[in-house]
Amino acid sequence: MSLDRIFGIYTISFLAVTILIGIGELAFGLPNRWIGWIFMALSLAIYIVIGVVTRTSNPDQYYVAGRGVPAFYNGMATGSDWMSAASFISMGGALSAQGFAGLAYVMGWTGGYLLLAVFLGPYLRQFGAYTIPDFLSARYGGNAARVIGVVAAVACSFTYLIAQVTGVGLIVSRFIGLDFNIGVFVGLLGVLFCSVLGGMRSVTWTQVAQYIILIISYLVPVVYLSWQIFAIPIPELTYGRILQQNNVKAVEITRDAKEKETRALWKKDADELNAKIKEGSLPEAEVDKLKGQAALAGRQATAPAASDDAKVGRYLTVPTGVGMWNFLALTFCLMVGTAGLPHILTRYYTTPSVRQARISVAWSLFFIFLLYFTAPAYAAFARFAIYAKLVGTK
């Protein structure tokens, strides 16, 4: 059976399961906790099965997947590699909070793939090594370059891994109710089965399956909201209108007596927490916790009010809040950082040829584009949901 057929059946099956769970929630009141458990167990089971089925002891298969991964699927695997905690969890929030300034992350991260396509990916594949340190050793000579490459790769990977593991723990604890530490170990268990048994071969096909789950999970909620509000299932075409509605709603909330009452309650909480901190009789851990709660309460109590003539311009104009030079500097750093990530660079060792490596970068950009192009709409619709459901409650 061809790869296209296998993953086509897989995608349709996952969509069917998602629809059935949605029907179960709407028609039968399936609890959110159960939905979280179903999706987590199903995803882990799929990844573990793929990891076991694709296990190998062949070095070429283990380190570079036999250099036989088609550009389309390598691009999909790279997209999954890239759609980590920062992109999947935080991109919508960053754009919602920062507006135009948040686009530095979109421009920088996607711009890094342009550097990969032009300067790095094809040449790494042409060299034909197994690892980046091998390439550096051959290019610059001696073991010093190899050691520097190893240290840099470990440092980058370790820093990156901390963020990913933290994201896993947060997701599991928030949506399933497991303890944060247990959630971390659940995620690491999945990584163990996905990578140890088959190396890059297992990782590649697990990531292809993972991308399908991730992109469906990301698109379905915002598409549903767009359809529910505007009867148009393309959020990219409707989020400009929702921005304007958000602006109107913000003005209404500012004038609402209940909102003023809620802010007064937050102010009272902040004052009480600060008074407890000043007493000095609490343990240090409790003081740190109270400081965080007091800061949150203070922010809620003094949240900036929307003026009557507030515009959506903050989301459409230059990032004056951070300064244009800071905006450009952040974009540049993110571009260079993306191009230097070890787990992204090694993906281009797995393609059959240099041409396929270059094409796979283009496919990577396309699959990442699906998420990033939707992220601004996600931010706008999420803000609308917050205004409609949460603001004014205590």
Protein backbone atom coordinates (compact mmCIF):
# COMPACT_ATOMS: atom_id res chain seq x y z
CA MET A 1 0.00 0.00 0.00
CA SER A 2 1.37 3.42 -0.98
CA LEU A 3 2.21 6.12 1.53
CA ASP A 4 -0.44 8.42 0.07
CA ARG A 5 -3.12 5.78 0.59
CA ILE A 6 -1.97 4.96 4.13
CA PHE A 7 -1.94 8.55 5.32
CA GLY A 8 -5.12 9.36 3.40
CA ILE A 9 -6.98 6.63 5.28
CA TYR A 10 -5.35 7.78 8.51
CA THR A 11 -6.45 11.40 7.99
CA ILE A 12 -10.04 10.44 7.16
CA SER A 13 -10.16 8.13 10.17
CA PHE A 14 -8.92 10.84 12.52
CA LEU A 15 -11.42 13.34 11.13
CA ALA A 16 -14.18 10.78 11.64
CA VAL A 17 -13.12 10.22 15.25
CA THR A 18 -13.03 13.99 15.83
CA ILE A 19 -16.54 14.39 14.41
CA LEU A 20 -17.86 11.50 16.52
CA ILE A 21 -16.36 13.02 19.67
CA GLY A 22 -17.88 16.38 18.74
CA ILE A 23 -21.28 14.73 18.36
CA GLY A 24 -20.78 13.00 21.69
CA GLU A 25 -20.05 16.34 23.36
CA LEU A 26 -22.94 18.25 21.79
CA ALA A 27 -25.59 15.52 21.85
CA PHE A 28 -24.70 13.48 24.91
CA GLY A 29 -22.71 15.89 27.07
CA LEU A 30 -19.41 14.00 26.89
CA PRO A 31 -17.24 15.59 29.63
CA ASN A 32 -14.21 17.64 28.58
CA ARG A 33 -11.96 15.51 30.78
CA TRP A 34 -13.01 12.37 28.89
CA ILE A 35 -12.39 14.07 25.57
CA GLY A 36 -8.88 14.97 26.71
CA TRP A 37 -8.18 11.40 27.78
CA ILE A 38 -9.50 9.97 24.50
CA PHE A 39 -7.35 12.23 22.35
CA MET A 40 -4.23 11.73 24.45
CA ALA A 41 -4.59 7.93 24.60
CA LEU A 42 -5.40 7.71 20.89
CA SER A 43 -2.46 9.92 19.87
CA LEU A 44 0.03 8.08 22.08
CA ALA A 45 -1.22 4.71 20.82
CA ILE A 46 -0.75 5.81 17.20
CA TYR A 47 2.77 7.10 17.82
CA ILE A 48 3.80 3.99 19.75
CA VAL A 49 2.47 1.67 17.03
CA ILE A 50 4.35 3.60 14.33
CA GLY A 51 7.52 3.59 16.43
CA VAL A 52 7.34 -0.18 16.93
CA VAL A 53 6.43 -0.98 13.31
CA THR A 54 9.27 1.17 11.89
CA ARG A 55 11.98 -0.07 14.28
CA THR A 56 15.32 -0.80 12.65
CA SER A 57 18.92 -1.69 13.46
CA ASN A 58 20.33 -0.56 10.11
CA PRO A 59 22.60 2.48 10.74
CA ASP A 60 21.60 4.22 7.51
CA GLN A 61 17.91 3.80 8.34
CA TYR A 62 18.43 4.72 11.98
CA TYR A 63 20.34 7.97 11.44
CA VAL A 64 18.95 9.31 8.13
CA ALA A 65 15.86 7.13 7.40
CA GLY A 66 17.71 5.49 4.51
CA ARG A 67 17.80 8.84 2.69
CA GLY A 68 14.52 7.84 1.10
CA VAL A 69 11.92 10.21 2.54
CA PRO A 70 10.01 12.01 -0.27
CA ALA A 71 10.09 15.80 -0.20
CA PHE A 72 6.35 16.05 0.54
CA TYR A 73 6.52 13.86 3.64
CA ASN A 74 9.82 15.33 4.77
CA GLY A 75 8.19 18.76 4.61
CA MET A 76 5.27 17.48 6.65
CA ALA A 77 7.61 15.92 9.23
CA THR A 78 9.56 19.19 9.42
CA GLY A 79 6.32 21.09 9.92
CA SER A 80 5.48 18.80 12.84
CA ASP A 81 9.02 19.24 14.17
CA TRP A 82 8.55 22.98 14.08
CA MET A 83 4.97 23.18 15.42
CA SER A 84 6.19 22.92 18.97
CA ALA A 85 4.95 24.44 22.20
CA ALA A 86 5.86 27.97 21.07
CA SER A 87 4.00 27.84 17.76
CA PHE A 88 1.08 25.59 18.61
CA ILE A 89 0.29 26.86 22.10
CA SER A 90 1.58 30.44 22.16
CA MET A 91 1.39 31.98 18.69
CA GLY A 92 -2.28 32.93 18.89
CA GLY A 93 -1.76 34.39 22.36
CA ALA A 94 1.29 36.38 21.26
CA LEU A 95 -0.61 37.94 18.37
CA SER A 96 -3.63 38.64 20.57
CA ALA A 97 -1.51 40.35 23.22
CA GLN A 98 0.99 42.17 20.99
CA GLY A 99 -0.89 42.78 17.76
CA PHE A 100 1.39 43.76 14.88
CA ALA A 101 4.48 43.40 17.06
CA GLY A 102 3.73 39.68 17.41
CA LEU A 103 4.29 39.26 13.67
CA ALA A 104 8.03 39.41 14.35
CA TYR A 105 7.74 35.78 15.42
CA VAL A 106 5.88 34.78 12.26
CA MET A 107 8.30 36.64 9.99
CA GLY A 108 11.41 35.47 11.82
CA TRP A 109 10.50 31.82 12.12
CA THR A 110 9.28 31.47 8.54
CA GLY A 111 12.17 33.58 7.24
CA GLY A 112 14.56 31.08 8.76
CA TYR A 113 13.32 28.49 6.30
CA LEU A 114 14.30 30.76 3.44
CA LEU A 115 17.86 30.69 4.79
CA LEU A 116 17.62 26.91 5.03
CA ALA A 117 16.44 26.59 1.43
CA VAL A 118 19.11 28.87 -0.02
CA PHE A 119 22.19 28.42 2.15
CA LEU A 120 22.01 25.26 4.27
CA GLY A 121 19.60 22.42 3.51
CA PRO A 122 20.72 21.41 0.00
CA TYR A 123 24.43 21.60 0.86
CA LEU A 124 24.06 19.47 3.98
CA ARG A 125 22.32 16.84 1.86
CA GLN A 126 24.99 17.11 -0.83
CA PHE A 127 27.69 16.45 1.74
CA GLY A 128 25.94 13.22 2.75
CA ALA A 129 27.00 12.96 6.40
CA TYR A 130 24.92 11.68 9.30
CA THR A 131 25.26 14.63 11.69
CA ILE A 132 26.03 18.36 11.75
CA PRO A 133 29.32 17.83 13.69
CA ASP A 134 30.45 15.47 10.89
CA PHE A 135 29.84 18.24 8.38
CA LEU A 136 31.70 20.83 10.47
CA SER A 137 34.65 18.48 10.96
CA ALA A 138 34.98 17.87 7.23
CA ARG A 139 34.43 21.51 6.32
CA TYR A 140 36.88 23.07 8.79
CA GLY A 141 39.15 20.14 9.56
CA GLY A 142 40.13 18.50 12.84
CA ASN A 143 38.15 17.48 15.88
CA ALA A 144 37.92 20.99 17.34
CA ALA A 145 35.14 21.93 14.91
CA ARG A 146 33.39 18.64 15.65
CA VAL A 147 33.51 19.26 19.41
CA ILE A 148 32.21 22.81 18.99
CA GLY A 149 29.39 21.45 16.84
CA VAL A 150 28.48 18.84 19.46
CA VAL A 151 28.49 21.39 22.28
CA ALA A 152 26.38 23.84 20.27
CA ALA A 153 23.91 21.11 19.24
CA VAL A 154 23.52 19.84 22.81
CA ALA A 155 23.12 23.37 24.20
CA CYS A 156 20.47 24.30 21.61
CA SER A 157 18.63 21.00 21.94
CA PHE A 158 18.67 21.04 25.74
CA THR A 159 17.27 24.58 25.90
CA TYR A 160 14.64 23.76 23.29
CA LEU A 161 13.72 20.49 25.00
CA ILE A 162 13.04 22.20 28.33
CA ALA A 163 10.39 24.39 26.69
CA GLN A 164 8.78 21.42 24.91
CA VAL A 165 8.65 19.24 28.01
CA THR A 166 7.20 22.12 30.01
CA GLY A 167 4.54 22.57 27.33
CA VAL A 168 3.66 18.87 27.48
CA GLY A 169 3.29 19.03 31.26
CA LEU A 170 1.08 22.12 31.06
CA ILE A 171 -1.20 20.63 28.42
CA VAL A 172 -1.63 17.31 30.21
CA SER A 173 -2.23 18.95 33.60
CA ARG A 174 -4.65 21.54 32.19
CA PHE A 175 -6.82 19.36 29.94
CA ILE A 176 -6.57 15.93 31.51
CA GLY A 177 -6.04 16.72 35.16
CA LEU A 178 -2.87 14.73 35.72
CA ASP A 179 -0.12 16.16 37.86
CA PHE A 180 2.38 18.29 35.92
CA ASN A 181 5.29 15.93 36.67
CA ILE A 182 3.30 12.88 35.58
CA GLY A 183 2.36 14.73 32.38
CA VAL A 184 6.03 15.30 31.63
CA PHE A 185 6.79 11.59 32.01
CA VAL A 186 3.81 10.66 29.82
CA GLY A 187 5.23 12.87 27.08
CA LEU A 188 8.72 11.43 27.49
CA LEU A 189 7.27 7.92 27.27
CA GLY A 190 5.87 8.78 23.86
CA VAL A 191 9.22 10.22 22.77
CA LEU A 192 10.95 7.04 23.94
CA PHE A 193 8.86 4.78 21.71
CA CYS A 194 8.96 7.22 18.79
CA SER A 195 12.72 7.63 18.63
CA VAL A 196 14.72 4.93 20.39
CA LEU A 197 13.49 1.88 18.48
CA GLY A 198 13.81 3.23 14.94
CA GLY A 199 15.80 6.45 15.15
CA MET A 200 15.16 8.93 12.36
CA ARG A 201 13.02 6.41 10.49
CA SER A 202 10.55 6.13 13.37
CA VAL A 203 10.74 9.85 14.11
CA THR A 204 9.95 10.78 10.50
CA TRP A 205 6.78 8.74 10.13
CA THR A 206 5.64 9.52 13.64
CA GLN A 207 6.00 13.22 12.87
CA VAL A 208 3.99 12.89 9.66
CA ALA A 209 1.17 11.30 11.67
CA GLN A 210 1.61 13.93 14.36
CA TYR A 211 1.36 16.81 11.89
CA ILE A 212 -2.01 15.58 10.68
CA ILE A 213 -3.31 15.48 14.27
CA LEU A 214 -1.82 18.88 15.12
CA ILE A 215 -3.12 20.77 12.11
CA ILE A 216 -6.62 19.29 12.42
CA SER A 217 -6.65 20.11 16.14
CA TYR A 218 -5.56 23.68 15.41
CA LEU A 219 -7.90 24.41 12.51
CA VAL A 220 -11.13 22.76 13.65
CA PRO A 221 -11.94 25.15 16.57
CA VAL A 222 -11.32 28.38 14.67
CA VAL A 223 -13.10 27.10 11.54
CA TYR A 224 -16.06 26.14 13.73
CA LEU A 225 -16.13 29.58 15.36
CA SER A 226 -15.98 31.30 11.98
CA TRP A 227 -18.85 29.16 10.73
CA GLN A 228 -20.85 29.67 13.92
CA ILE A 229 -20.56 33.48 13.85
CA PHE A 230 -20.45 34.32 10.13
CA ALA A 231 -21.57 31.09 8.38
CA ILE A 232 -18.23 31.18 6.53
CA PRO A 233 -15.84 28.31 7.36
CA ILE A 234 -12.73 30.26 6.34
CA PRO A 235 -11.53 32.25 9.37
CA GLU A 236 -8.86 34.07 7.36
CA LEU A 237 -11.67 35.83 5.47
CA THR A 238 -13.67 36.79 8.55
CA TYR A 239 -11.20 37.75 11.25
CA GLY A 240 -11.03 41.37 10.07
CA ARG A 241 -14.72 41.66 10.84
CA ILE A 242 -14.27 39.99 14.22
CA LEU A 243 -11.53 42.51 15.07
CA GLN A 244 -14.02 45.31 14.56
CA GLN A 245 -16.59 43.51 16.70
CA ASN A 246 -13.94 43.08 19.40
CA ASN A 247 -13.35 46.81 19.36
CA VAL A 248 -17.05 47.57 19.78
CA LYS A 249 -17.32 44.97 22.53
CA ALA A 250 -14.35 46.46 24.38
CA VAL A 251 -16.04 49.87 24.47
CA GLU A 252 -19.28 48.32 25.72
CA ILE A 253 -17.47 46.43 28.47
CA THR A 254 -15.64 49.56 29.61
CA ARG A 255 -18.94 51.33 30.15
CA ASP A 256 -20.59 48.35 31.83
CA ALA A 257 -21.25 48.72 35.57
CA LYS A 258 -20.62 45.01 36.15
CA GLU A 259 -17.14 45.30 34.66
CA LYS A 260 -16.36 48.18 37.00
CA GLU A 261 -17.64 46.11 39.91
CA THR A 262 -15.47 43.17 38.86
CA ARG A 263 -12.37 45.37 38.68
CA ALA A 264 -13.18 46.68 42.14
CA LEU A 265 -13.24 43.10 43.43
CA TRP A 266 -9.88 42.41 41.81
CA LYS A 267 -8.52 45.57 43.43
CA LYS A 268 -9.78 44.39 46.81
CA ASP A 269 -8.11 41.00 46.30
CA ALA A 270 -4.84 42.66 45.32
CA ASP A 271 -4.88 44.86 48.41
CA GLU A 272 -5.61 41.90 50.71
CA LEU A 273 -2.82 39.81 49.18
CA ASN A 274 -0.32 42.66 49.46
CA ALA A 275 -1.31 43.12 53.11
CA LYS A 276 -0.60 39.45 53.82
CA ILE A 277 2.79 39.74 52.14
CA LYS A 278 3.72 42.80 54.23
CA GLU A 279 2.94 40.96 57.47
CA GLY A 280 6.13 38.94 56.99
CA SER A 281 4.89 35.89 58.91
CA LEU A 282 4.43 33.56 55.93
CA PRO A 283 6.92 30.98 54.54
CA GLU A 284 8.98 32.10 51.56
CA ALA A 285 7.23 29.70 49.16
CA GLU A 286 3.84 31.02 50.22
CA VAL A 287 5.04 34.61 49.80
CA ASP A 288 6.21 33.90 46.25
CA LYS A 289 2.84 32.36 45.44
CA LEU A 290 0.97 35.32 46.89
CA LYS A 291 3.14 37.77 44.96
CA GLY A 292 2.13 36.09 41.73
CA GLN A 293 -1.54 36.17 42.68
CA ALA A 294 -1.28 39.81 43.77
CA ALA A 295 0.37 40.78 40.49
CA LEU A 296 -2.40 39.06 38.52
CA ALA A 297 -5.11 40.71 40.59
CA GLY A 298 -3.43 44.08 40.17
CA ARG A 299 -3.27 43.72 36.40
CA GLN A 300 -6.95 42.79 36.25
CA ALA A 301 -7.90 45.71 38.48
CA THR A 302 -5.99 48.24 36.38
CA ALA A 303 -6.59 46.77 32.91
CA PRO A 304 -6.53 49.60 30.36
CA ALA A 305 -9.98 50.77 29.41
CA ALA A 306 -10.96 51.04 25.77
CA SER A 307 -11.78 54.57 24.73
CA ASP A 308 -14.87 55.40 22.71
CA ASP A 309 -12.80 56.03 19.61
CA ALA A 310 -10.58 52.97 20.02
CA LYS A 311 -9.47 51.50 16.73
CA VAL A 312 -8.09 48.20 15.57
CA GLY A 313 -5.04 50.09 14.34
CA ARG A 314 -2.81 48.52 17.00
CA TYR A 315 -3.14 45.29 15.08
CA LEU A 316 -2.47 46.87 11.70
CA THR A 317 0.20 49.53 12.19
CA VAL A 318 3.93 49.48 12.84
CA PRO A 319 5.03 48.16 16.25
CA THR A 320 5.54 51.52 17.88
CA GLY A 321 5.37 49.99 21.35
CA VAL A 322 8.60 48.04 20.89
CA GLY A 323 10.33 50.23 18.33
CA MET A 324 11.03 49.34 14.73
CA TRP A 325 14.70 48.49 15.32
CA ASN A 326 13.81 46.10 18.12
CA PHE A 327 11.16 44.56 15.88
CA LEU A 328 13.66 44.03 13.06
CA ALA A 329 16.37 42.78 15.43
CA LEU A 330 14.00 40.21 16.92
CA THR A 331 12.96 39.10 13.44
CA PHE A 332 16.60 38.68 12.38
CA CYS A 333 17.55 36.72 15.51
CA LEU A 334 14.59 34.40 15.06
CA MET A 335 15.51 33.82 11.41
CA VAL A 336 19.09 32.88 12.23
CA GLY A 337 18.02 30.82 15.22
CA THR A 338 15.54 28.84 13.14
CA ALA A 339 18.14 28.11 10.49
CA GLY A 340 20.52 26.78 13.14
CA LEU A 341 18.23 24.41 15.04
CA PRO A 342 19.84 20.94 15.05
CA HIS A 343 16.61 18.94 14.84
CA ILE A 344 15.53 20.95 11.78
CA LEU A 345 18.88 20.75 9.99
CA THR A 346 19.07 16.97 10.32
CA ARG A 347 15.74 16.59 8.51
CA TYR A 348 17.43 17.48 5.21
CA TYR A 349 19.79 14.51 5.46
CA THR A 350 16.83 12.19 4.92
CA THR A 351 15.81 13.17 1.38
CA PRO A 352 16.85 11.13 -1.70
CA SER A 353 18.66 14.03 -3.43
CA VAL A 354 19.78 17.64 -3.16
CA ARG A 355 16.84 18.74 -5.31
CA GLN A 356 14.44 16.90 -3.02
CA ALA A 357 16.01 18.62 -0.02
CA ARG A 358 15.32 22.03 -1.57
CA ILE A 359 11.76 21.05 -2.47
CA SER A 360 11.16 19.70 1.01
CA VAL A 361 11.98 23.14 2.45
CA ALA A 362 9.23 24.58 0.26
CA TRP A 363 6.81 21.93 1.51
CA SER A 364 7.91 22.69 5.08
CA LEU A 365 6.99 26.34 4.58
CA PHE A 366 3.61 25.38 3.15
CA PHE A 367 2.72 23.12 6.07
CA ILE A 368 3.88 25.71 8.60
CA PHE A 369 2.04 28.41 6.65
CA LEU A 370 -1.27 26.61 7.30
CA LEU A 371 -0.81 27.24 11.02
CA TYR A 372 0.76 30.70 10.89
CA PHE A 373 -1.78 32.03 8.38
CA THR A 374 -4.54 30.95 10.75
CA ALA A 375 -2.89 32.21 13.96
CA PRO A 376 -4.04 35.87 13.59
CA ALA A 377 -7.61 34.66 13.08
CA TYR A 378 -7.23 32.38 16.09
CA ALA A 379 -6.14 35.38 18.17
CA ALA A 380 -9.10 37.48 17.05
CA PHE A 381 -11.71 34.77 17.58
CA ALA A 382 -10.23 33.80 20.95
CA ARG A 383 -10.44 37.42 22.09
CA PHE A 384 -14.06 37.54 20.92
CA ALA A 385 -14.83 34.39 22.93
CA ILE A 386 -13.16 35.92 26.00
CA TYR A 387 -15.20 39.11 25.67
CA ALA A 388 -18.40 37.13 25.19
CA LYS A 389 -17.91 34.47 27.88
CA LEU A 390 -15.38 35.60 30.49
CA VAL A 391 -15.03 39.37 30.81
CA GLY A 392 -17.16 40.72 33.62
CA THR A 393 -17.10 37.47 35.60
CA LYS A 394 -15.23 36.88 38.82
